[in-house]
PDB file of N, CA and C in Angstrom:
ATOM      1  N   UNK A   1    -138.744  77.645  -7.204  1.00  0.00           N
ATOM      2  CA  UNK A   1    -139.323  78.374  -8.308  1.00  0.00           C
ATOM      3  C   UNK A   1    -138.402  79.523  -8.737  1.00  0.00           C
ATOM      4  N   UNK A   2    -137.788  80.198  -7.788  1.00  0.00           N
ATOM      5  CA  UNK A   2    -136.886  81.307  -8.106  1.00  0.00           C
ATOM      6  C   UNK A   2    -135.650  80.801  -8.856  1.00  0.00           C
ATOM      7  N   UNK A   3    -135.122  79.657  -8.443  1.00  0.00           N
ATOM      8  CA  UNK A   3    -133.927  79.113  -9.085  1.00  0.00           C
ATOM      9  C   UNK A   3    -134.206  78.787 -10.551  1.00  0.00           C
ATOM     10  N   UNK A   4    -135.358  78.190 -10.827  1.00  0.00           N
ATOM     11  CA  UNK A   4    -135.721  77.872 -12.206  1.00  0.00           C
ATOM     12  C   UNK A   4    -135.924  79.141 -13.026  1.00  0.00           C
ATOM     13  N   UNK A   5    -136.487  80.176 -12.413  1.00  0.00           N
ATOM     14  CA  UNK A   5    -136.680  81.442 -13.108  1.00  0.00           C
ATOM     15  C   UNK A   5    -135.336  82.059 -13.474  1.00  0.00           C
ATOM     16  N   UNK A   6    -134.386  82.019 -12.561  1.00  0.00           N
ATOM     17  CA  UNK A   6    -133.068  82.582 -12.835  1.00  0.00           C
ATOM     18  C   UNK A   6    -132.376  81.827 -13.967  1.00  0.00           C
ATOM     19  N   UNK A   7    -132.501  80.507 -13.968  1.00  0.00           N
ATOM     20  CA  UNK A   7    -131.923  79.700 -15.052  1.00  0.00           C
ATOM     21  C   UNK A   7    -132.582  80.062 -16.385  1.00  0.00           C
ATOM     22  N   UNK A   8    -133.907  80.248 -16.380  1.00  0.00           N
ATOM     23  CA  UNK A   8    -134.617  80.612 -17.606  1.00  0.00           C
ATOM     24  C   UNK A   8    -134.195  81.980 -18.117  1.00  0.00           C
ATOM     25  N   UNK A   9    -134.008  82.931 -17.212  1.00  0.00           N
ATOM     26  CA  UNK A   9    -133.589  84.273 -17.620  1.00  0.00           C
ATOM     27  C   UNK A   9    -132.179  84.238 -18.193  1.00  0.00           C
ATOM     28  N   UNK A  10    -131.276  83.527 -17.561  1.00  0.00           N
ATOM     29  CA  UNK A  10    -129.896  83.446 -18.056  1.00  0.00           C
ATOM     30  C   UNK A  10    -129.855  82.765 -19.421  1.00  0.00           C
ATOM     31  N   UNK A  11    -130.622  81.691 -19.582  1.00  0.00           N
ATOM     32  CA  UNK A  11    -130.670  81.011 -20.877  1.00  0.00           C
ATOM     33  C   UNK A  11    -131.272  81.922 -21.943  1.00  0.00           C
ATOM     34  N   UNK A  12    -132.313  82.650 -21.585  1.00  0.00           N
ATOM     35  CA  UNK A  12    -132.939  83.562 -22.542  1.00  0.00           C
ATOM     36  C   UNK A  12    -132.011  84.687 -22.962  1.00  0.00           C
ATOM     37  N   UNK A  13    -131.294  85.259 -22.010  1.00  0.00           N
ATOM     38  CA  UNK A  13    -130.347  86.332 -22.327  1.00  0.00           C
ATOM     39  C   UNK A  13    -129.234  85.797 -23.225  1.00  0.00           C
ATOM     40  N   UNK A  14    -128.756  84.610 -22.950  1.00  0.00           N
ATOM     41  CA  UNK A  14    -127.720  84.011 -23.795  1.00  0.00           C
ATOM     42  C   UNK A  14    -128.193  83.766 -25.212  1.00  0.00           C
ATOM     43  N   UNK A  15    -129.407  83.272 -25.357  1.00  0.00           N
ATOM     44  CA  UNK A  15    -129.941  83.016 -26.692  1.00  0.00           C
ATOM     45  C   UNK A  15    -130.215  84.309 -27.448  1.00  0.00           C
ATOM     46  N   UNK A  16    -130.732  85.311 -26.764  1.00  0.00           N
ATOM     47  CA  UNK A  16    -130.963  86.605 -27.416  1.00  0.00           C
ATOM     48  C   UNK A  16    -129.640  87.205 -27.861  1.00  0.00           C
ATOM     49  N   UNK A  17    -128.615  87.100 -27.023  1.00  0.00           N
ATOM     50  CA  UNK A  17    -127.303  87.624 -27.395  1.00  0.00           C
ATOM     51  C   UNK A  17    -126.765  86.896 -28.628  1.00  0.00           C
ATOM     52  N   UNK A  18    -126.936  85.580 -28.678  1.00  0.00           N
ATOM     53  CA  UNK A  18    -126.458  84.810 -29.829  1.00  0.00           C
ATOM     54  C   UNK A  18    -127.174  85.233 -31.108  1.00  0.00           C
ATOM     55  N   UNK A  19    -128.472  85.450 -31.031  1.00  0.00           N
ATOM     56  CA  UNK A  19    -129.224  85.885 -32.208  1.00  0.00           C
ATOM     57  C   UNK A  19    -128.793  87.282 -32.642  1.00  0.00           C
ATOM     58  N   UNK A  20    -128.561  88.173 -31.685  1.00  0.00           N
ATOM     59  CA  UNK A  20    -128.122  89.527 -32.031  1.00  0.00           C
ATOM     60  C   UNK A  20    -126.729  89.534 -32.642  1.00  0.00           C
ATOM     61  N   UNK A  21    -125.859  88.651 -32.189  1.00  0.00           N
ATOM     62  CA  UNK A  21    -124.524  88.544 -32.803  1.00  0.00           C
ATOM     63  C   UNK A  21    -124.667  88.107 -34.253  1.00  0.00           C
ATOM     64  N   UNK A  22    -125.555  87.156 -34.513  1.00  0.00           N
ATOM     65  CA  UNK A  22    -125.782  86.724 -35.895  1.00  0.00           C
ATOM     66  C   UNK A  22    -126.424  87.833 -36.725  1.00  0.00           C
ATOM     67  N   UNK A  23    -127.285  88.620 -36.126  1.00  0.00           N
ATOM     68  CA  UNK A  23    -127.969  89.692 -36.835  1.00  0.00           C
ATOM     69  C   UNK A  23    -127.009  90.816 -37.208  1.00  0.00           C
ATOM     70  N   UNK A  24    -126.186  91.253 -36.258  1.00  0.00           N
ATOM     71  CA  UNK A  24    -125.279  92.369 -36.494  1.00  0.00           C
ATOM     72  C   UNK A  24    -123.951  91.947 -37.125  1.00  0.00           C
ATOM     73  N   UNK A  25    -123.646  90.664 -37.090  1.00  0.00           N
ATOM     74  CA  UNK A  25    -122.386  90.121 -37.613  1.00  0.00           C
ATOM     75  C   UNK A  25    -121.164  90.713 -36.910  1.00  0.00           C
ATOM     76  N   UNK A  26    -121.375  91.165 -35.668  1.00  0.00           N
ATOM     77  CA  UNK A  26    -120.301  91.680 -34.827  1.00  0.00           C
ATOM     78  C   UNK A  26    -120.544  91.194 -33.410  1.00  0.00           C
ATOM     79  N   UNK A  27    -119.503  91.159 -32.618  1.00  0.00           N
ATOM     80  CA  UNK A  27    -119.635  90.655 -31.254  1.00  0.00           C
ATOM     81  C   UNK A  27    -119.963  91.752 -30.248  1.00  0.00           C
ATOM     82  N   UNK A  28    -119.485  92.963 -30.453  1.00  0.00           N
ATOM     83  CA  UNK A  28    -119.676  94.025 -29.470  1.00  0.00           C
ATOM     84  C   UNK A  28    -120.965  94.821 -29.664  1.00  0.00           C
ATOM     85  N   UNK A  29    -121.508  94.874 -30.858  1.00  0.00           N
ATOM     86  CA  UNK A  29    -122.707  95.683 -31.121  1.00  0.00           C
ATOM     87  C   UNK A  29    -123.921  95.256 -30.291  1.00  0.00           C
ATOM     88  N   UNK A  30    -124.161  93.966 -30.044  1.00  0.00           N
ATOM     89  CA  UNK A  30    -125.345  93.590 -29.262  1.00  0.00           C
ATOM     90  C   UNK A  30    -125.319  94.051 -27.810  1.00  0.00           C
ATOM     91  N   UNK A  31    -124.166  94.441 -27.290  1.00  0.00           N
ATOM     92  CA  UNK A  31    -124.115  94.883 -25.899  1.00  0.00           C
ATOM     93  C   UNK A  31    -124.933  96.153 -25.675  1.00  0.00           C
ATOM     94  N   UNK A  32    -125.088  96.974 -26.710  1.00  0.00           N
ATOM     95  CA  UNK A  32    -125.921  98.170 -26.584  1.00  0.00           C
ATOM     96  C   UNK A  32    -127.373  97.756 -26.367  1.00  0.00           C
ATOM     97  N   UNK A  33    -127.839  96.810 -27.159  1.00  0.00           N
ATOM     98  CA  UNK A  33    -129.212  96.327 -26.994  1.00  0.00           C
ATOM     99  C   UNK A  33    -129.386  95.578 -25.686  1.00  0.00           C
ATOM    100  N   UNK A  34    -128.383  94.869 -25.267  1.00  0.00           N
ATOM    101  CA  UNK A  34    -128.508  94.087 -24.040  1.00  0.00           C
ATOM    102  C   UNK A  34    -128.514  94.988 -22.803  1.00  0.00           C
ATOM    103  N   UNK A  35    -128.052  96.218 -22.959  1.00  0.00           N
ATOM    104  CA  UNK A  35    -128.100  97.151 -21.842  1.00  0.00           C
ATOM    105  C   UNK A  35    -129.518  97.450 -21.390  1.00  0.00           C
ATOM    106  N   UNK A  36    -130.449  97.373 -22.318  1.00  0.00           N
ATOM    107  CA  UNK A  36    -131.846  97.613 -21.954  1.00  0.00           C
ATOM    108  C   UNK A  36    -132.408  96.482 -21.098  1.00  0.00           C
ATOM    109  N   UNK A  37    -131.777  95.329 -21.143  1.00  0.00           N
ATOM    110  CA  UNK A  37    -132.239  94.202 -20.324  1.00  0.00           C
ATOM    111  C   UNK A  37    -132.047  94.473 -18.837  1.00  0.00           C
ATOM    112  N   UNK A  38    -131.112  95.307 -18.492  1.00  0.00           N
ATOM    113  CA  UNK A  38    -130.905  95.630 -17.088  1.00  0.00           C
ATOM    114  C   UNK A  38    -131.964  96.598 -16.568  1.00  0.00           C
ATOM    115  N   UNK A  39    -132.439  97.478 -17.428  1.00  0.00           N
ATOM    116  CA  UNK A  39    -133.379  98.504 -16.990  1.00  0.00           C
ATOM    117  C   UNK A  39    -134.826  98.016 -16.969  1.00  0.00           C
ATOM    118  N   UNK A  40    -135.182  97.076 -17.820  1.00  0.00           N
ATOM    119  CA  UNK A  40    -136.566  96.617 -17.907  1.00  0.00           C
ATOM    120  C   UNK A  40    -137.043  95.951 -16.612  1.00  0.00           C
ATOM    121  N   UNK A  41    -136.324  94.980 -16.045  1.00  0.00           N
ATOM    122  CA  UNK A  41    -136.798  94.390 -14.789  1.00  0.00           C
ATOM    123  C   UNK A  41    -136.738  95.355 -13.612  1.00  0.00           C
ATOM    124  N   UNK A  42    -135.799  96.287 -13.660  1.00  0.00           N
ATOM    125  CA  UNK A  42    -135.719  97.280 -12.591  1.00  0.00           C
ATOM    126  C   UNK A  42    -136.975  98.147 -12.577  1.00  0.00           C
ATOM    127  N   UNK A  43    -137.421  98.570 -13.727  1.00  0.00           N
ATOM    128  CA  UNK A  43    -138.648  99.350 -13.815  1.00  0.00           C
ATOM    129  C   UNK A  43    -139.863  98.557 -13.377  1.00  0.00           C
ATOM    130  N   UNK A  44    -139.898  97.281 -13.722  1.00  0.00           N
ATOM    131  CA  UNK A  44    -141.015  96.431 -13.297  1.00  0.00           C
ATOM    132  C   UNK A  44    -141.012  96.254 -11.779  1.00  0.00           C
ATOM    133  N   UNK A  45    -139.846  96.100 -11.188  1.00  0.00           N
ATOM    134  CA  UNK A  45    -139.759  95.939  -9.737  1.00  0.00           C
ATOM    135  C   UNK A  45    -140.200  97.214  -9.019  1.00  0.00           C
ATOM    136  N   UNK A  46    -139.809  98.356  -9.549  1.00  0.00           N
ATOM    137  CA  UNK A  46    -140.223  99.625  -8.943  1.00  0.00           C
ATOM    138  C   UNK A  46    -141.735  99.794  -9.058  1.00  0.00           C
ATOM    139  N   UNK A  47    -142.300  99.448 -10.212  1.00  0.00           N
ATOM    140  CA  UNK A  47    -143.751  99.562 -10.398  1.00  0.00           C
ATOM    141  C   UNK A  47    -144.504  98.625  -9.461  1.00  0.00           C
ATOM    142  N   UNK A  48    -144.008  97.405  -9.284  1.00  0.00           N
ATOM    143  CA  UNK A  48    -144.647  96.477  -8.349  1.00  0.00           C
ATOM    144  C   UNK A  48    -144.602  97.019  -6.921  1.00  0.00           C
ATOM    145  N   UNK A  49    -143.472  97.585  -6.554  1.00  0.00           N
ATOM    146  CA  UNK A  49    -143.334  98.131  -5.200  1.00  0.00           C
ATOM    147  C   UNK A  49    -144.265  99.319  -4.982  1.00  0.00           C
ATOM    148  N   UNK A  50    -144.324 100.206  -5.975  1.00  0.00           N
ATOM    149  CA  UNK A  50    -145.188 101.385  -5.846  1.00  0.00           C
ATOM    150  C   UNK A  50    -146.669 101.006  -5.808  1.00  0.00           C
ATOM    151  N   UNK A  51    -147.027  99.943  -6.550  1.00  0.00           N
ATOM    152  CA  UNK A  51    -148.421  99.506  -6.564  1.00  0.00           C
ATOM    153  C   UNK A  51    -148.761  98.644  -5.357  1.00  0.00           C
ATOM    154  N   UNK A  52    -147.757  98.205  -4.624  1.00  0.00           N
ATOM    155  CA  UNK A  52    -147.985  97.366  -3.453  1.00  0.00           C
ATOM    156  C   UNK A  52    -148.376  95.942  -3.793  1.00  0.00           C
ATOM    157  N   UNK A  53    -147.965  95.475  -4.962  1.00  0.00           N
ATOM    158  CA  UNK A  53    -148.293  94.115  -5.397  1.00  0.00           C
ATOM    159  C   UNK A  53    -147.162  93.163  -5.056  1.00  0.00           C
ATOM    160  N   UNK A  54    -147.512  91.915  -4.855  1.00  0.00           N
ATOM    161  CA  UNK A  54    -146.489  90.918  -4.544  1.00  0.00           C
ATOM    162  C   UNK A  54    -146.026  90.220  -5.829  1.00  0.00           C
ATOM    163  N   UNK A  55    -144.895  89.556  -5.732  1.00  0.00           N
ATOM    164  CA  UNK A  55    -144.348  88.820  -6.864  1.00  0.00           C
ATOM    165  C   UNK A  55    -145.039  87.457  -6.921  1.00  0.00           C
ATOM    166  N   UNK A  56    -145.602  87.146  -8.082  1.00  0.00           N
ATOM    167  CA  UNK A  56    -146.315  85.889  -8.259  1.00  0.00           C
ATOM    168  C   UNK A  56    -145.933  85.283  -9.603  1.00  0.00           C
ATOM    169  N   UNK A  57    -146.517  84.148  -9.916  1.00  0.00           N
ATOM    170  CA  UNK A  57    -146.201  83.473 -11.180  1.00  0.00           C
ATOM    171  C   UNK A  57    -146.549  84.339 -12.395  1.00  0.00           C
ATOM    172  N   UNK A  58    -147.706  85.002 -12.437  1.00  0.00           N
ATOM    173  CA  UNK A  58    -147.953  85.891 -13.580  1.00  0.00           C
ATOM    174  C   UNK A  58    -146.933  87.016 -13.709  1.00  0.00           C
ATOM    175  N   UNK A  59    -146.400  87.481 -12.587  1.00  0.00           N
ATOM    176  CA  UNK A  59    -145.363  88.517 -12.638  1.00  0.00           C
ATOM    177  C   UNK A  59    -144.097  87.941 -13.272  1.00  0.00           C
ATOM    178  N   UNK A  60    -143.713  86.726 -12.905  1.00  0.00           N
ATOM    179  CA  UNK A  60    -142.541  86.094 -13.508  1.00  0.00           C
ATOM    180  C   UNK A  60    -142.724  85.905 -15.009  1.00  0.00           C
ATOM    181  N   UNK A  61    -143.908  85.488 -15.420  1.00  0.00           N
ATOM    182  CA  UNK A  61    -144.180  85.304 -16.847  1.00  0.00           C
ATOM    183  C   UNK A  61    -144.093  86.656 -17.564  1.00  0.00           C
ATOM    184  N   UNK A  62    -144.641  87.697 -16.963  1.00  0.00           N
ATOM    185  CA  UNK A  62    -144.558  89.028 -17.550  1.00  0.00           C
ATOM    186  C   UNK A  62    -143.128  89.528 -17.660  1.00  0.00           C
ATOM    187  N   UNK A  63    -142.309  89.238 -16.650  1.00  0.00           N
ATOM    188  CA  UNK A  63    -140.900  89.641 -16.717  1.00  0.00           C
ATOM    189  C   UNK A  63    -140.167  88.909 -17.841  1.00  0.00           C
ATOM    190  N   UNK A  64    -140.453  87.636 -18.012  1.00  0.00           N
ATOM    191  CA  UNK A  64    -139.833  86.898 -19.117  1.00  0.00           C
ATOM    192  C   UNK A  64    -140.243  87.482 -20.462  1.00  0.00           C
ATOM    193  N   UNK A  65    -141.515  87.834 -20.592  1.00  0.00           N
ATOM    194  CA  UNK A  65    -141.979  88.437 -21.840  1.00  0.00           C
ATOM    195  C   UNK A  65    -141.337  89.801 -22.053  1.00  0.00           C
ATOM    196  N   UNK A  66    -141.163  90.560 -20.993  1.00  0.00           N
ATOM    197  CA  UNK A  66    -140.525  91.868 -21.086  1.00  0.00           C
ATOM    198  C   UNK A  66    -139.065  91.735 -21.497  1.00  0.00           C
ATOM    199  N   UNK A  67    -138.366  90.776 -20.917  1.00  0.00           N
ATOM    200  CA  UNK A  67    -136.968  90.557 -21.264  1.00  0.00           C
ATOM    201  C   UNK A  67    -136.809  90.102 -22.705  1.00  0.00           C
ATOM    202  N   UNK A  68    -137.784  89.364 -23.202  1.00  0.00           N
ATOM    203  CA  UNK A  68    -137.707  88.856 -24.568  1.00  0.00           C
ATOM    204  C   UNK A  68    -138.026  89.944 -25.577  1.00  0.00           C
ATOM    205  N   UNK A  69    -138.976  90.809 -25.291  1.00  0.00           N
ATOM    206  CA  UNK A  69    -139.417  91.788 -26.286  1.00  0.00           C
ATOM    207  C   UNK A  69    -138.518  93.013 -26.350  1.00  0.00           C
ATOM    208  N   UNK A  70    -137.823  93.337 -25.304  1.00  0.00           N
ATOM    209  CA  UNK A  70    -137.024  94.559 -25.268  1.00  0.00           C
ATOM    210  C   UNK A  70    -135.915  94.578 -26.327  1.00  0.00           C
ATOM    211  N   UNK A  71    -135.032  93.583 -26.401  1.00  0.00           N
ATOM    212  CA  UNK A  71    -133.982  93.650 -27.427  1.00  0.00           C
ATOM    213  C   UNK A  71    -134.509  93.368 -28.829  1.00  0.00           C
ATOM    214  N   UNK A  72    -135.580  92.590 -28.933  1.00  0.00           N
ATOM    215  CA  UNK A  72    -136.103  92.267 -30.262  1.00  0.00           C
ATOM    216  C   UNK A  72    -136.638  93.523 -30.937  1.00  0.00           C
ATOM    217  N   UNK A  73    -137.331  94.362 -30.202  1.00  0.00           N
ATOM    218  CA  UNK A  73    -137.865  95.590 -30.764  1.00  0.00           C
ATOM    219  C   UNK A  73    -136.736  96.495 -31.238  1.00  0.00           C
ATOM    220  N   UNK A  74    -135.688  96.597 -30.465  1.00  0.00           N
ATOM    221  CA  UNK A  74    -134.564  97.433 -30.853  1.00  0.00           C
ATOM    222  C   UNK A  74    -133.831  96.858 -32.056  1.00  0.00           C
ATOM    223  N   UNK A  75    -133.710  95.550 -32.156  1.00  0.00           N
ATOM    224  CA  UNK A  75    -132.989  94.964 -33.284  1.00  0.00           C
ATOM    225  C   UNK A  75    -133.767  95.149 -34.572  1.00  0.00           C
ATOM    226  N   UNK A  76    -135.100  95.072 -34.526  1.00  0.00           N
ATOM    227  CA  UNK A  76    -135.894  95.285 -35.726  1.00  0.00           C
ATOM    228  C   UNK A  76    -135.810  96.736 -36.183  1.00  0.00           C
ATOM    229  N   UNK A  77    -135.815  97.670 -35.256  1.00  0.00           N
ATOM    230  CA  UNK A  77    -135.756  99.080 -35.646  1.00  0.00           C
ATOM    231  C   UNK A  77    -134.386  99.430 -36.217  1.00  0.00           C
ATOM    232  N   UNK A  78    -133.334  98.833 -35.687  1.00  0.00           N
ATOM    233  CA  UNK A  78    -132.003  99.161 -36.198  1.00  0.00           C
ATOM    234  C   UNK A  78    -131.753  98.525 -37.545  1.00  0.00           C
ATOM    235  N   UNK A  79    -132.311  97.353 -37.823  1.00  0.00           N
ATOM    236  CA  UNK A  79    -132.106  96.746 -39.132  1.00  0.00           C
ATOM    237  C   UNK A  79    -132.924  97.450 -40.198  1.00  0.00           C
ATOM    238  N   UNK A  80    -134.067  97.997 -39.845  1.00  0.00           N
ATOM    239  CA  UNK A  80    -134.879  98.707 -40.836  1.00  0.00           C
ATOM    240  C   UNK A  80    -134.230 100.036 -41.222  1.00  0.00           C
ATOM    241  N   UNK A  81    -133.512 100.662 -40.287  1.00  0.00           N
ATOM    242  CA  UNK A  81    -132.822 101.917 -40.602  1.00  0.00           C
ATOM    243  C   UNK A  81    -131.625 101.695 -41.498  1.00  0.00           C
ATOM    244  N   UNK A  82    -130.997 100.529 -41.392  1.00  0.00           N
ATOM    245  CA  UNK A  82    -129.772 100.291 -42.169  1.00  0.00           C
ATOM    246  C   UNK A  82    -130.060  99.920 -43.617  1.00  0.00           C
ATOM    247  N   UNK A  83    -131.299  99.686 -43.965  1.00  0.00           N
ATOM    248  CA  UNK A  83    -131.629  99.282 -45.339  1.00  0.00           C
ATOM    249  C   UNK A  83    -131.738 100.448 -46.260  1.00  0.00           C
TER     250      UNK A  83
END
């Protein structure tokens, strides 16, 4: 189950990066947004540890949703400012 989750996360990060490259029309600009991808799961792991909860399938689904929404929110806010 962990191996499939890692493959899904890597594929998701790659696809998000590809969409951000198309959105910004530059190759280096999406790296700023992708930096938030490193901090989001770290915060979730710390919260799980502090709450004393174990890692389960709903936690994996929540992490995938968190990884997906983090750069999308930033890309929408940056495109609205540039208009």
